[in-house]
PDB file of N, CA and C in Angstrom:
ATOM      1  N   MET A   1      98.881 -57.010  15.129  1.00  0.00           N
ATOM      2  CA  MET A   1     100.517 -56.481  14.583  1.00  0.00           C
ATOM      3  C   MET A   1     101.206 -57.895  14.687  1.00  0.00           C
ATOM      4  N   SER A   2     102.210 -57.581  13.543  1.00  0.00           N
ATOM      5  CA  SER A   2     103.016 -58.243  13.002  1.00  0.00           C
ATOM      6  C   SER A   2     104.194 -58.502  13.872  1.00  0.00           C
ATOM      7  N   ASP A   3     104.860 -59.568  14.056  1.00  0.00           N
ATOM      8  CA  ASP A   3     106.312 -59.197  15.134  1.00  0.00           C
ATOM      9  C   ASP A   3     107.090 -59.131  13.947  1.00  0.00           C
ATOM     10  N   PRO A   4     107.739 -58.133  14.292  1.00  0.00           N
ATOM     11  CA  PRO A   4     109.027 -57.744  13.362  1.00  0.00           C
ATOM     12  C   PRO A   4     110.474 -58.869  13.413  1.00  0.00           C
ATOM     13  N   ARG A   5     110.347 -59.494  14.381  1.00  0.00           N
ATOM     14  CA  ARG A   5     111.952 -60.168  14.135  1.00  0.00           C
ATOM     15  C   ARG A   5     111.137 -61.520  12.977  1.00  0.00           C
ATOM     16  N   THR A   6     109.501 -61.917  13.103  1.00  0.00           N
ATOM     17  CA  THR A   6     109.345 -63.116  11.773  1.00  0.00           C
ATOM     18  C   THR A   6     109.585 -62.025  10.999  1.00  0.00           C
ATOM     19  N   ALA A   7     108.999 -60.948  10.376  1.00  0.00           N
ATOM     20  CA  ALA A   7     109.107 -59.998   9.228  1.00  0.00           C
ATOM     21  C   ALA A   7     110.701 -60.286   8.840  1.00  0.00           C
ATOM     22  N   ARG A   8     111.483 -59.616  10.074  1.00  0.00           N
ATOM     23  CA  ARG A   8     112.058 -59.757   9.455  1.00  0.00           C
ATOM     24  C   ARG A   8     113.080 -61.020   8.977  1.00  0.00           C
ATOM     25  N   ALA A   9     112.997 -61.918   9.349  1.00  0.00           N
ATOM     26  CA  ALA A   9     113.039 -63.661   9.238  1.00  0.00           C
ATOM     27  C   ALA A   9     112.708 -63.874   7.697  1.00  0.00           C
ATOM     28  N   ARG A  10     111.566 -63.567   7.736  1.00  0.00           N
ATOM     29  CA  ARG A  10     110.715 -64.190   6.572  1.00  0.00           C
ATOM     30  C   ARG A  10     111.083 -63.242   4.694  1.00  0.00           C
ATOM     31  N   GLY A  11     111.536 -61.595   5.273  1.00  0.00           N
ATOM     32  CA  GLY A  11     112.766 -60.695   3.987  1.00  0.00           C
ATOM     33  C   GLY A  11     114.088 -61.607   4.117  1.00  0.00           C
ATOM     34  N   THR A  12     114.220 -62.218   4.913  1.00  0.00           N
ATOM     35  CA  THR A  12     115.937 -62.623   4.863  1.00  0.00           C
ATOM     36  C   THR A  12     115.408 -63.833   4.177  1.00  0.00           C
ATOM     37  N   ALA A  13     114.890 -64.747   4.599  1.00  0.00           N
ATOM     38  CA  ALA A  13     114.920 -66.197   3.485  1.00  0.00           C
ATOM     39  C   ALA A  13     113.927 -65.550   2.024  1.00  0.00           C
ATOM     40  N   ILE A  14     114.052 -64.665   1.437  1.00  0.00           N
ATOM     41  CA  ILE A  14     113.219 -64.319   0.725  1.00  0.00           C
ATOM     42  C   ILE A  14     114.691 -63.916  -0.384  1.00  0.00           C
ATOM     43  N   GLU A  15     115.409 -62.950   0.485  1.00  0.00           N
ATOM     44  CA  GLU A  15     116.487 -62.746   0.036  1.00  0.00           C
ATOM     45  C   GLU A  15     117.336 -63.467  -0.720  1.00  0.00           C
ATOM     46  N   GLN A  16     117.427 -64.925   0.835  1.00  0.00           N
ATOM     47  CA  GLN A  16     118.766 -66.036  -0.838  1.00  0.00           C
ATOM     48  C   GLN A  16     117.832 -66.440  -0.967  1.00  0.00           C
ATOM     49  N   ILE A  17     116.677 -66.623  -1.720  1.00  0.00           N
ATOM     50  CA  ILE A  17     115.866 -67.232  -2.497  1.00  0.00           C
ATOM     51  C   ILE A  17     116.081 -66.500  -3.918  1.00  0.00           C
ATOM     52  N   ALA A  18     115.989 -65.151  -3.514  1.00  0.00           N
ATOM     53  CA  ALA A  18     116.374 -64.237  -4.667  1.00  0.00           C
ATOM     54  C   ALA A  18     117.134 -64.500  -4.906  1.00  0.00           C
ATOM     55  N   ALA A  19     118.357 -64.213  -4.298  1.00  0.00           N
ATOM     56  CA  ALA A  19     119.500 -64.392  -4.904  1.00  0.00           C
ATOM     57  C   ALA A  19     120.244 -65.963  -5.206  1.00  0.00           C
ATOM     58  N   ARG A  20     119.839 -66.719  -5.022  1.00  0.00           N
ATOM     59  CA  ARG A  20     119.766 -67.791  -5.715  1.00  0.00           C
ATOM     60  C   ARG A  20     118.989 -68.070  -7.047  1.00  0.00           C
ATOM     61  N   TRP A  21     117.958 -67.434  -7.747  1.00  0.00           N
ATOM     62  CA  TRP A  21     117.097 -67.057  -8.701  1.00  0.00           C
ATOM     63  C   TRP A  21     118.338 -66.607  -8.977  1.00  0.00           C
ATOM     64  N   LEU A  22     118.909 -65.433  -9.470  1.00  0.00           N
ATOM     65  CA  LEU A  22     119.521 -64.453  -9.870  1.00  0.00           C
ATOM     66  C   LEU A  22     120.975 -64.906 -10.622  1.00  0.00           C
ATOM     67  N   ALA A  23     121.960 -65.744  -9.272  1.00  0.00           N
ATOM     68  CA  ALA A  23     122.321 -67.167  -8.960  1.00  0.00           C
ATOM     69  C   ALA A  23     122.513 -67.756 -10.699  1.00  0.00           C
ATOM     70  N   GLU A  24     121.164 -68.304 -10.591  1.00  0.00           N
ATOM     71  CA  GLU A  24     120.640 -69.862 -11.973  1.00  0.00           C
ATOM     72  C   GLU A  24     120.820 -68.304 -13.046  1.00  0.00           C
ATOM     73  N   ARG A  25     120.426 -67.607 -13.238  1.00  0.00           N
ATOM     74  CA  ARG A  25     120.390 -66.771 -14.283  1.00  0.00           C
ATOM     75  C   ARG A  25     121.713 -65.743 -14.557  1.00  0.00           C
ATOM     76  N   GLY A  26     122.716 -66.484 -14.310  1.00  0.00           N
ATOM     77  CA  GLY A  26     124.248 -65.385 -14.380  1.00  0.00           C
ATOM     78  C   GLY A  26     125.009 -64.772 -13.748  1.00  0.00           C
ATOM     79  N   LEU A  27     124.310 -64.260 -12.702  1.00  0.00           N
ATOM     80  CA  LEU A  27     124.893 -63.804 -11.613  1.00  0.00           C
ATOM     81  C   LEU A  27     125.458 -64.146 -10.435  1.00  0.00           C
ATOM     82  N   ARG A  28     126.866 -63.413  -9.853  1.00  0.00           N
ATOM     83  CA  ARG A  28     126.610 -64.181  -8.868  1.00  0.00           C
ATOM     84  C   ARG A  28     126.788 -63.170  -7.676  1.00  0.00           C
ATOM     85  N   LEU A  29     126.644 -63.620  -6.687  1.00  0.00           N
ATOM     86  CA  LEU A  29     126.618 -62.920  -5.297  1.00  0.00           C
ATOM     87  C   LEU A  29     127.440 -62.073  -4.661  1.00  0.00           C
ATOM     88  N   LEU A  30     127.477 -61.358  -4.129  1.00  0.00           N
ATOM     89  CA  LEU A  30     129.036 -60.251  -3.667  1.00  0.00           C
ATOM     90  C   LEU A  30     128.679 -59.663  -2.417  1.00  0.00           C
ATOM     91  N   GLY A  31     127.762 -59.147  -2.327  1.00  0.00           N
ATOM     92  CA  GLY A  31     126.620 -59.482  -0.469  1.00  0.00           C
ATOM     93  C   GLY A  31     125.606 -58.989  -0.337  1.00  0.00           C
ATOM     94  N   ARG A  32     125.162 -58.876   0.603  1.00  0.00           N
ATOM     95  CA  ARG A  32     123.843 -58.625   1.286  1.00  0.00           C
ATOM     96  C   ARG A  32     123.934 -58.056   2.374  1.00  0.00           C
ATOM     97  N   ASN A  33     122.318 -57.293   2.132  1.00  0.00           N
ATOM     98  CA  ASN A  33     122.326 -55.917   3.086  1.00  0.00           C
ATOM     99  C   ASN A  33     123.185 -55.547   3.472  1.00  0.00           C
ATOM    100  N   GLN A  34     123.729 -54.694   2.762  1.00  0.00           N
ATOM    101  CA  GLN A  34     125.043 -53.910   2.401  1.00  0.00           C
ATOM    102  C   GLN A  34     124.747 -52.740   3.099  1.00  0.00           C
ATOM    103  N   HIS A  35     124.944 -52.167   4.149  1.00  0.00           N
ATOM    104  CA  HIS A  35     124.174 -50.461   5.269  1.00  0.00           C
ATOM    105  C   HIS A  35     124.919 -49.530   4.640  1.00  0.00           C
ATOM    106  N   ALA A  36     124.443 -48.560   4.856  1.00  0.00           N
ATOM    107  CA  ALA A  36     124.890 -47.143   4.895  1.00  0.00           C
ATOM    108  C   ALA A  36     123.666 -46.111   4.945  1.00  0.00           C
ATOM    109  N   LYS A  37     124.617 -45.282   5.026  1.00  0.00           N
ATOM    110  CA  LYS A  37     123.791 -44.899   6.402  1.00  0.00           C
ATOM    111  C   LYS A  37     122.104 -43.973   5.277  1.00  0.00           C
ATOM    112  N   GLY A  38     121.155 -43.897   5.666  1.00  0.00           N
ATOM    113  CA  GLY A  38     120.278 -44.094   5.239  1.00  0.00           C
ATOM    114  C   GLY A  38     120.149 -44.812   3.861  1.00  0.00           C
ATOM    115  N   GLY A  39     120.165 -45.846   3.612  1.00  0.00           N
ATOM    116  CA  GLY A  39     119.892 -46.613   3.262  1.00  0.00           C
ATOM    117  C   GLY A  39     120.442 -48.552   3.171  1.00  0.00           C
ATOM    118  N   GLU A  40     120.091 -48.978   2.567  1.00  0.00           N
ATOM    119  CA  GLU A  40     119.977 -50.663   2.768  1.00  0.00           C
ATOM    120  C   GLU A  40     120.649 -50.968   0.923  1.00  0.00           C
ATOM    121  N   LEU A  41     121.404 -51.879   1.060  1.00  0.00           N
ATOM    122  CA  LEU A  41     121.108 -52.329   0.091  1.00  0.00           C
ATOM    123  C   LEU A  41     121.362 -53.724   0.088  1.00  0.00           C
ATOM    124  N   ASP A  42     119.865 -54.617  -1.116  1.00  0.00           N
ATOM    125  CA  ASP A  42     119.644 -56.016  -0.969  1.00  0.00           C
ATOM    126  C   ASP A  42     120.783 -56.747  -1.592  1.00  0.00           C
ATOM    127  N   LEU A  43     120.724 -56.930  -2.836  1.00  0.00           N
ATOM    128  CA  LEU A  43     121.718 -57.877  -2.849  1.00  0.00           C
ATOM    129  C   LEU A  43     122.799 -57.214  -4.131  1.00  0.00           C
ATOM    130  N   VAL A  44     124.204 -57.267  -3.671  1.00  0.00           N
ATOM    131  CA  VAL A  44     125.531 -57.044  -4.424  1.00  0.00           C
ATOM    132  C   VAL A  44     125.666 -58.252  -5.735  1.00  0.00           C
ATOM    133  N   MET A  45     125.426 -57.408  -6.371  1.00  0.00           N
ATOM    134  CA  MET A  45     125.742 -58.827  -7.529  1.00  0.00           C
ATOM    135  C   MET A  45     126.781 -58.446  -8.763  1.00  0.00           C
ATOM    136  N   GLN A  46     126.830 -59.820  -9.466  1.00  0.00           N
ATOM    137  CA  GLN A  46     127.503 -58.626 -10.380  1.00  0.00           C
ATOM    138  C   GLN A  46     127.379 -60.147 -11.963  1.00  0.00           C
ATOM    139  N   ASP A  47     127.118 -59.011 -13.253  1.00  0.00           N
ATOM    140  CA  ASP A  47     126.451 -59.843 -14.173  1.00  0.00           C
ATOM    141  C   ASP A  47     127.643 -59.359 -14.857  1.00  0.00           C
ATOM    142  N   GLY A  48     128.774 -60.310 -15.483  1.00  0.00           N
ATOM    143  CA  GLY A  48     129.714 -60.038 -16.457  1.00  0.00           C
ATOM    144  C   GLY A  48     130.924 -59.722 -15.520  1.00  0.00           C
ATOM    145  N   ASP A  49     130.888 -57.623 -16.149  1.00  0.00           N
ATOM    146  CA  ASP A  49     131.482 -56.640 -16.045  1.00  0.00           C
ATOM    147  C   ASP A  49     131.244 -55.735 -15.079  1.00  0.00           C
ATOM    148  N   THR A  50     129.632 -55.958 -14.854  1.00  0.00           N
ATOM    149  CA  THR A  50     128.794 -54.657 -14.556  1.00  0.00           C
ATOM    150  C   THR A  50     128.328 -55.310 -13.088  1.00  0.00           C
ATOM    151  N   LEU A  51     128.167 -54.458 -11.911  1.00  0.00           N
ATOM    152  CA  LEU A  51     128.314 -54.518 -10.528  1.00  0.00           C
ATOM    153  C   LEU A  51     126.736 -53.984 -10.816  1.00  0.00           C
ATOM    154  N   VAL A  52     125.953 -55.682  -9.954  1.00  0.00           N
ATOM    155  CA  VAL A  52     124.694 -54.487  -9.907  1.00  0.00           C
ATOM    156  C   VAL A  52     123.940 -54.542  -8.637  1.00  0.00           C
ATOM    157  N   PHE A  53     123.667 -53.400  -8.348  1.00  0.00           N
ATOM    158  CA  PHE A  53     122.635 -53.291  -6.755  1.00  0.00           C
ATOM    159  C   PHE A  53     121.269 -53.813  -7.298  1.00  0.00           C
ATOM    160  N   VAL A  54     120.322 -54.797  -6.610  1.00  0.00           N
ATOM    161  CA  VAL A  54     119.104 -55.269  -6.404  1.00  0.00           C
ATOM    162  C   VAL A  54     118.437 -55.253  -5.581  1.00  0.00           C
ATOM    163  N   GLU A  55     117.459 -54.610  -5.139  1.00  0.00           N
ATOM    164  CA  GLU A  55     116.468 -53.808  -4.614  1.00  0.00           C
ATOM    165  C   GLU A  55     115.403 -55.340  -4.801  1.00  0.00           C
ATOM    166  N   VAL A  56     115.545 -56.242  -4.252  1.00  0.00           N
ATOM    167  CA  VAL A  56     113.990 -57.520  -3.428  1.00  0.00           C
ATOM    168  C   VAL A  56     112.904 -56.867  -2.707  1.00  0.00           C
ATOM    169  N   LYS A  57     111.794 -56.793  -3.825  1.00  0.00           N
ATOM    170  CA  LYS A  57     110.181 -56.320  -3.300  1.00  0.00           C
ATOM    171  C   LYS A  57     109.736 -57.692  -3.077  1.00  0.00           C
ATOM    172  N   HIS A  58     108.867 -58.418  -1.625  1.00  0.00           N
ATOM    173  CA  HIS A  58     108.212 -59.144  -1.891  1.00  0.00           C
ATOM    174  C   HIS A  58     106.587 -58.393  -1.409  1.00  0.00           C
ATOM    175  N   ARG A  59     105.859 -59.438  -2.009  1.00  0.00           N
ATOM    176  CA  ARG A  59     104.348 -59.527  -1.160  1.00  0.00           C
ATOM    177  C   ARG A  59     103.559 -60.514  -1.602  1.00  0.00           C
ATOM    178  N   GLU A  60     102.736 -60.836  -0.675  1.00  0.00           N
ATOM    179  CA  GLU A  60     102.374 -63.123  -0.650  1.00  0.00           C
ATOM    180  C   GLU A  60     101.401 -62.334  -2.022  1.00  0.00           C
ATOM    181  N   THR A  61     100.334 -61.306  -1.695  1.00  0.00           N
ATOM    182  CA  THR A  61      99.077 -61.039  -3.336  1.00  0.00           C
ATOM    183  C   THR A  61      99.597 -59.238  -3.781  1.00  0.00           C
ATOM    184  N   THR A  62      98.893 -59.677  -4.771  1.00  0.00           N
ATOM    185  CA  THR A  62      99.100 -58.459  -5.648  1.00  0.00           C
ATOM    186  C   THR A  62      98.089 -57.417  -5.413  1.00  0.00           C
ATOM    187  N   ARG A  63      97.246 -57.642  -3.984  1.00  0.00           N
ATOM    188  CA  ARG A  63      95.991 -57.247  -3.943  1.00  0.00           C
ATOM    189  C   ARG A  63      95.951 -55.622  -3.363  1.00  0.00           C
ATOM    190  N   TYR A  64      96.868 -55.555  -2.990  1.00  0.00           N
ATOM    191  CA  TYR A  64      97.479 -53.597  -2.789  1.00  0.00           C
ATOM    192  C   TYR A  64      98.210 -53.434  -3.272  1.00  0.00           C
ATOM    193  N   GLY A  65      98.834 -53.250  -4.709  1.00  0.00           N
ATOM    194  CA  GLY A  65      99.791 -53.603  -5.322  1.00  0.00           C
ATOM    195  C   GLY A  65     100.550 -53.988  -5.350  1.00  0.00           C
ATOM    196  N   HIS A  66     101.228 -53.758  -6.862  1.00  0.00           N
ATOM    197  CA  HIS A  66     102.061 -54.897  -7.296  1.00  0.00           C
ATOM    198  C   HIS A  66     103.467 -54.444  -6.653  1.00  0.00           C
ATOM    199  N   PRO A  67     104.980 -55.316  -6.239  1.00  0.00           N
ATOM    200  CA  PRO A  67     105.616 -55.182  -5.474  1.00  0.00           C
ATOM    201  C   PRO A  67     106.640 -54.049  -5.686  1.00  0.00           C
ATOM    202  N   LEU A  68     106.507 -53.595  -7.270  1.00  0.00           N
ATOM    203  CA  LEU A  68     107.784 -52.907  -8.265  1.00  0.00           C
ATOM    204  C   LEU A  68     107.109 -51.421  -7.938  1.00  0.00           C
ATOM    205  N   GLU A  69     105.645 -51.250  -7.647  1.00  0.00           N
ATOM    206  CA  GLU A  69     105.675 -49.852  -7.385  1.00  0.00           C
ATOM    207  C   GLU A  69     106.119 -49.065  -6.393  1.00  0.00           C
ATOM    208  N   THR A  70     106.772 -50.382  -5.047  1.00  0.00           N
ATOM    209  CA  THR A  70     106.640 -49.596  -3.940  1.00  0.00           C
ATOM    210  C   THR A  70     108.368 -49.177  -4.164  1.00  0.00           C
ATOM    211  N   VAL A  71     109.515 -48.562  -5.307  1.00  0.00           N
ATOM    212  CA  VAL A  71     110.751 -48.309  -5.663  1.00  0.00           C
ATOM    213  C   VAL A  71     109.790 -46.844  -5.745  1.00  0.00           C
ATOM    214  N   THR A  72     109.921 -45.912  -4.622  1.00  0.00           N
ATOM    215  CA  THR A  72     109.108 -45.088  -5.586  1.00  0.00           C
ATOM    216  C   THR A  72     110.673 -44.015  -5.477  1.00  0.00           C
ATOM    217  N   ALA A  73     110.697 -42.770  -6.287  1.00  0.00           N
ATOM    218  CA  ALA A  73     111.587 -42.078  -6.333  1.00  0.00           C
ATOM    219  C   ALA A  73     112.256 -42.043  -5.618  1.00  0.00           C
ATOM    220  N   GLN A  74     111.713 -41.521  -4.080  1.00  0.00           N
ATOM    221  CA  GLN A  74     112.898 -41.339  -2.667  1.00  0.00           C
ATOM    222  C   GLN A  74     113.600 -42.807  -2.715  1.00  0.00           C
ATOM    223  N   LYS A  75     113.001 -44.145  -2.693  1.00  0.00           N
ATOM    224  CA  LYS A  75     113.535 -44.697  -2.756  1.00  0.00           C
ATOM    225  C   LYS A  75     115.132 -45.492  -3.154  1.00  0.00           C
ATOM    226  N   GLN A  76     114.443 -45.140  -4.620  1.00  0.00           N
ATOM    227  CA  GLN A  76     115.894 -44.902  -5.617  1.00  0.00           C
ATOM    228  C   GLN A  76     117.000 -44.253  -4.958  1.00  0.00           C
ATOM    229  N   ARG A  77     116.451 -42.439  -4.639  1.00  0.00           N
ATOM    230  CA  ARG A  77     117.701 -41.612  -4.439  1.00  0.00           C
ATOM    231  C   ARG A  77     118.135 -42.213  -3.041  1.00  0.00           C
ATOM    232  N   ARG A  78     117.580 -42.997  -2.189  1.00  0.00           N
ATOM    233  CA  ARG A  78     118.631 -43.784  -0.979  1.00  0.00           C
ATOM    234  C   ARG A  78     119.571 -44.932  -1.170  1.00  0.00           C
ATOM    235  N   LEU A  79     118.845 -45.379  -2.572  1.00  0.00           N
ATOM    236  CA  LEU A  79     119.351 -46.679  -3.421  1.00  0.00           C
ATOM    237  C   LEU A  79     121.013 -46.059  -3.491  1.00  0.00           C
ATOM    238  N   VAL A  80     120.606 -44.656  -4.116  1.00  0.00           N
ATOM    239  CA  VAL A  80     121.931 -44.696  -5.269  1.00  0.00           C
ATOM    240  C   VAL A  80     122.845 -44.124  -4.467  1.00  0.00           C
ATOM    241  N   HIS A  81     122.271 -43.302  -3.185  1.00  0.00           N
ATOM    242  CA  HIS A  81     123.039 -42.922  -1.777  1.00  0.00           C
ATOM    243  C   HIS A  81     124.233 -44.289  -1.709  1.00  0.00           C
ATOM    244  N   ALA A  82     123.033 -44.735  -1.379  1.00  0.00           N
ATOM    245  CA  ALA A  82     123.786 -46.413  -0.677  1.00  0.00           C
ATOM    246  C   ALA A  82     125.153 -46.663  -1.405  1.00  0.00           C
ATOM    247  N   ALA A  83     124.693 -47.175  -2.460  1.00  0.00           N
ATOM    248  CA  ALA A  83     125.218 -47.384  -3.908  1.00  0.00           C
ATOM    249  C   ALA A  83     127.117 -46.534  -3.999  1.00  0.00           C
ATOM    250  N   ARG A  84     127.134 -45.427  -4.066  1.00  0.00           N
ATOM    251  CA  ARG A  84     127.618 -44.552  -3.806  1.00  0.00           C
ATOM    252  C   ARG A  84     128.886 -44.584  -2.703  1.00  0.00           C
ATOM    253  N   VAL A  85     127.897 -45.286  -1.796  1.00  0.00           N
ATOM    254  CA  VAL A  85     129.202 -44.920  -0.097  1.00  0.00           C
ATOM    255  C   VAL A  85     129.658 -46.639  -0.443  1.00  0.00           C
ATOM    256  N   TYR A  86     128.897 -47.721  -0.773  1.00  0.00           N
ATOM    257  CA  TYR A  86     129.803 -48.709  -1.014  1.00  0.00           C
ATOM    258  C   TYR A  86     130.291 -48.908  -1.866  1.00  0.00           C
ATOM    259  N   LEU A  87     130.521 -48.209  -2.934  1.00  0.00           N
ATOM    260  CA  LEU A  87     131.374 -48.193  -4.457  1.00  0.00           C
ATOM    261  C   LEU A  87     132.566 -47.231  -3.883  1.00  0.00           C
ATOM    262  N   ALA A  88     133.246 -46.099  -2.370  1.00  0.00           N
ATOM    263  CA  ALA A  88     134.061 -45.635  -2.140  1.00  0.00           C
ATOM    264  C   ALA A  88     134.258 -46.987  -1.187  1.00  0.00           C
ATOM    265  N   ARG A  89     133.637 -47.242  -0.196  1.00  0.00           N
ATOM    266  CA  ARG A  89     134.281 -47.859   0.860  1.00  0.00           C
ATOM    267  C   ARG A  89     135.084 -48.865   0.279  1.00  0.00           C
ATOM    268  N   GLN A  90     134.513 -49.607  -0.978  1.00  0.00           N
ATOM    269  CA  GLN A  90     135.375 -50.651  -1.830  1.00  0.00           C
ATOM    270  C   GLN A  90     136.537 -50.442  -2.934  1.00  0.00           C
ATOM    271  N   GLN A  91     136.254 -48.589  -2.782  1.00  0.00           N
ATOM    272  CA  GLN A  91     137.315 -47.834  -3.849  1.00  0.00           C
ATOM    273  C   GLN A  91     137.069 -48.647  -5.020  1.00  0.00           C
ATOM    274  N   LEU A  92     135.657 -48.833  -5.898  1.00  0.00           N
ATOM    275  CA  LEU A  92     135.324 -49.585  -7.299  1.00  0.00           C
ATOM    276  C   LEU A  92     135.013 -48.176  -8.318  1.00  0.00           C
ATOM    277  N   SER A  93     135.276 -48.912  -9.428  1.00  0.00           N
ATOM    278  CA  SER A  93     134.640 -47.418 -10.103  1.00  0.00           C
ATOM    279  C   SER A  93     134.878 -48.630 -11.361  1.00  0.00           C
ATOM    280  N   CYS A  94     133.164 -48.839 -11.452  1.00  0.00           N
ATOM    281  CA  CYS A  94     132.825 -50.126 -12.812  1.00  0.00           C
ATOM    282  C   CYS A  94     131.599 -49.738 -13.010  1.00  0.00           C
ATOM    283  N   PRO A  95     131.441 -50.005 -14.390  1.00  0.00           N
ATOM    284  CA  PRO A  95     129.730 -49.819 -15.061  1.00  0.00           C
ATOM    285  C   PRO A  95     129.268 -50.859 -13.910  1.00  0.00           C
ATOM    286  N   CYS A  96     127.599 -49.936 -13.378  1.00  0.00           N
ATOM    287  CA  CYS A  96     127.077 -50.444 -12.288  1.00  0.00           C
ATOM    288  C   CYS A  96     125.405 -50.247 -12.560  1.00  0.00           C
ATOM    289  N   ARG A  97     124.530 -51.222 -12.830  1.00  0.00           N
ATOM    290  CA  ARG A  97     122.900 -51.361 -12.925  1.00  0.00           C
ATOM    291  C   ARG A  97     122.013 -51.187 -11.409  1.00  0.00           C
ATOM    292  N   PHE A  98     121.434 -50.722 -11.722  1.00  0.00           N
ATOM    293  CA  PHE A  98     120.140 -50.963 -10.564  1.00  0.00           C
ATOM    294  C   PHE A  98     119.502 -51.149 -10.656  1.00  0.00           C
ATOM    295  N   ASP A  99     118.521 -52.883 -10.394  1.00  0.00           N
ATOM    296  CA  ASP A  99     118.012 -54.122 -10.700  1.00  0.00           C
ATOM    297  C   ASP A  99     117.113 -53.937  -9.517  1.00  0.00           C
ATOM    298  N   VAL A 100     115.937 -54.077 -10.118  1.00  0.00           N
ATOM    299  CA  VAL A 100     114.938 -54.776  -8.918  1.00  0.00           C
ATOM    300  C   VAL A 100     114.116 -55.658  -9.226  1.00  0.00           C
ATOM    301  N   LEU A 101     114.164 -56.535  -8.231  1.00  0.00           N
ATOM    302  CA  LEU A 101     113.552 -57.434  -8.241  1.00  0.00           C
ATOM    303  C   LEU A 101     112.373 -58.285  -7.373  1.00  0.00           C
ATOM    304  N   ALA A 102     111.104 -58.466  -8.059  1.00  0.00           N
ATOM    305  CA  ALA A 102     109.905 -58.355  -7.636  1.00  0.00           C
ATOM    306  C   ALA A 102     109.244 -60.290  -6.993  1.00  0.00           C
ATOM    307  N   VAL A 103     109.142 -60.163  -6.186  1.00  0.00           N
ATOM    308  CA  VAL A 103     108.753 -61.758  -6.031  1.00  0.00           C
ATOM    309  C   VAL A 103     107.438 -61.951  -5.186  1.00  0.00           C
ATOM    310  N   ILE A 104     106.449 -62.515  -5.951  1.00  0.00           N
ATOM    311  CA  ILE A 104     104.958 -62.804  -5.084  1.00  0.00           C
ATOM    312  C   ILE A 104     104.382 -64.078  -5.046  1.00  0.00           C
ATOM    313  N   GLY A 105     104.047 -64.005  -3.990  1.00  0.00           N
ATOM    314  CA  GLY A 105     103.807 -65.508  -3.663  1.00  0.00           C
ATOM    315  C   GLY A 105     104.401 -66.208  -2.161  1.00  0.00           C
ATOM    316  N   THR A 106     103.819 -66.934  -1.881  1.00  0.00           N
ATOM    317  CA  THR A 106     104.517 -67.632  -0.774  1.00  0.00           C
ATOM    318  C   THR A 106     105.399 -68.814  -1.134  1.00  0.00           C
ATOM    319  N   PRO A 107     106.605 -69.051  -0.214  1.00  0.00           N
ATOM    320  CA  PRO A 107     107.305 -70.261  -0.644  1.00  0.00           C
ATOM    321  C   PRO A 107     106.429 -71.917  -0.681  1.00  0.00           C
ATOM    322  N   PRO A 108     106.291 -72.629  -1.822  1.00  0.00           N
ATOM    323  CA  PRO A 108     107.634 -72.758  -2.810  1.00  0.00           C
ATOM    324  C   PRO A 108     106.956 -71.928  -4.078  1.00  0.00           C
ATOM    325  N   ALA A 109     105.871 -71.373  -3.773  1.00  0.00           N
ATOM    326  CA  ALA A 109     104.554 -70.655  -5.497  1.00  0.00           C
ATOM    327  C   ALA A 109     105.128 -69.698  -5.067  1.00  0.00           C
ATOM    328  N   LEU A 110     106.835 -69.416  -5.768  1.00  0.00           N
ATOM    329  CA  LEU A 110     106.729 -67.600  -5.964  1.00  0.00           C
ATOM    330  C   LEU A 110     107.134 -67.492  -7.488  1.00  0.00           C
ATOM    331  N   THR A 111     106.657 -66.143  -7.709  1.00  0.00           N
ATOM    332  CA  THR A 111     106.946 -65.942  -8.839  1.00  0.00           C
ATOM    333  C   THR A 111     107.978 -65.121  -9.136  1.00  0.00           C
ATOM    334  N   PHE A 112     108.759 -63.881 -10.134  1.00  0.00           N
ATOM    335  CA  PHE A 112     109.932 -63.772 -10.310  1.00  0.00           C
ATOM    336  C   PHE A 112     109.249 -62.428 -11.209  1.00  0.00           C
ATOM    337  N   GLU A 113     109.697 -61.206 -11.492  1.00  0.00           N
ATOM    338  CA  GLU A 113     109.131 -59.891 -12.210  1.00  0.00           C
ATOM    339  C   GLU A 113     110.394 -59.477 -12.189  1.00  0.00           C
ATOM    340  N   TRP A 114     112.005 -59.538 -13.175  1.00  0.00           N
ATOM    341  CA  TRP A 114     112.912 -59.408 -12.956  1.00  0.00           C
ATOM    342  C   TRP A 114     113.068 -57.763 -14.173  1.00  0.00           C
ATOM    343  N   VAL A 115     113.334 -56.730 -13.396  1.00  0.00           N
ATOM    344  CA  VAL A 115     113.549 -55.434 -14.443  1.00  0.00           C
ATOM    345  C   VAL A 115     115.048 -55.311 -13.885  1.00  0.00           C
ATOM    346  N   LYS A 116     115.814 -55.316 -15.390  1.00  0.00           N
ATOM    347  CA  LYS A 116     117.503 -54.766 -15.286  1.00  0.00           C
ATOM    348  C   LYS A 116     116.781 -53.702 -15.691  1.00  0.00           C
ATOM    349  N   ALA A 117     118.111 -52.626 -14.823  1.00  0.00           N
ATOM    350  CA  ALA A 117     118.447 -51.549 -15.059  1.00  0.00           C
ATOM    351  C   ALA A 117     116.749 -50.780 -14.943  1.00  0.00           C
ATOM    352  N   ALA A 118     116.319 -51.194 -13.531  1.00  0.00           N
ATOM    353  CA  ALA A 118     115.016 -50.146 -12.879  1.00  0.00           C
ATOM    354  C   ALA A 118     114.892 -48.619 -13.470  1.00  0.00           C
ATOM    355  N   PHE A 119     116.284 -48.139 -13.597  1.00  0.00           N
ATOM    356  CA  PHE A 119     116.367 -46.481 -12.526  1.00  0.00           C
ATOM    357  C   PHE A 119     117.599 -46.676 -12.937  1.00  0.00           C
ATOM    358  N   ASP A 120     118.187 -44.888 -13.231  1.00  0.00           N
ATOM    359  CA  ASP A 120     120.072 -44.659 -13.464  1.00  0.00           C
ATOM    360  C   ASP A 120     120.029 -44.116 -11.377  1.00  0.00           C
ATOM    361  N   ALA A 121     121.112 -43.622 -11.653  1.00  0.00           N
ATOM    362  CA  ALA A 121     121.911 -42.577 -11.038  1.00  0.00           C
ATOM    363  C   ALA A 121     121.261 -41.266 -11.332  1.00  0.00           C
ATOM    364  N   PHE A 122     120.680 -40.818 -10.317  1.00  0.00           N
ATOM    365  CA  PHE A 122     121.127 -39.303 -10.970  1.00  0.00           C
ATOM    366  C   PHE A 122     121.223 -38.260 -10.327  1.00  0.00           C
TER     367      PHE A 122
END
């Protein structure tokens, strides 16, 4: 059984790498690990006038499936709820989208698959 602290530290490191990778592609980091009852937003970024909620999913290999497959309808509902809470707390009203960034491998040998507007709020 793996140590949850180690897994959390690995997740934090991957999210930092993901934020840098997205920043290199023009997004601006606004927040990380924004918690709301029932959900958490990994990265909150800005792409022009659009607020982007990014779900970062990491796997060392795709042996047991692709990271994108883990963003189920239930996970999407949690993310939408967390985004609504974030927008209300920040008193924001702006265009938004939900992206998913799949990260595969171990640092420094990582590959990225970025799905913009992966799903809509329902």
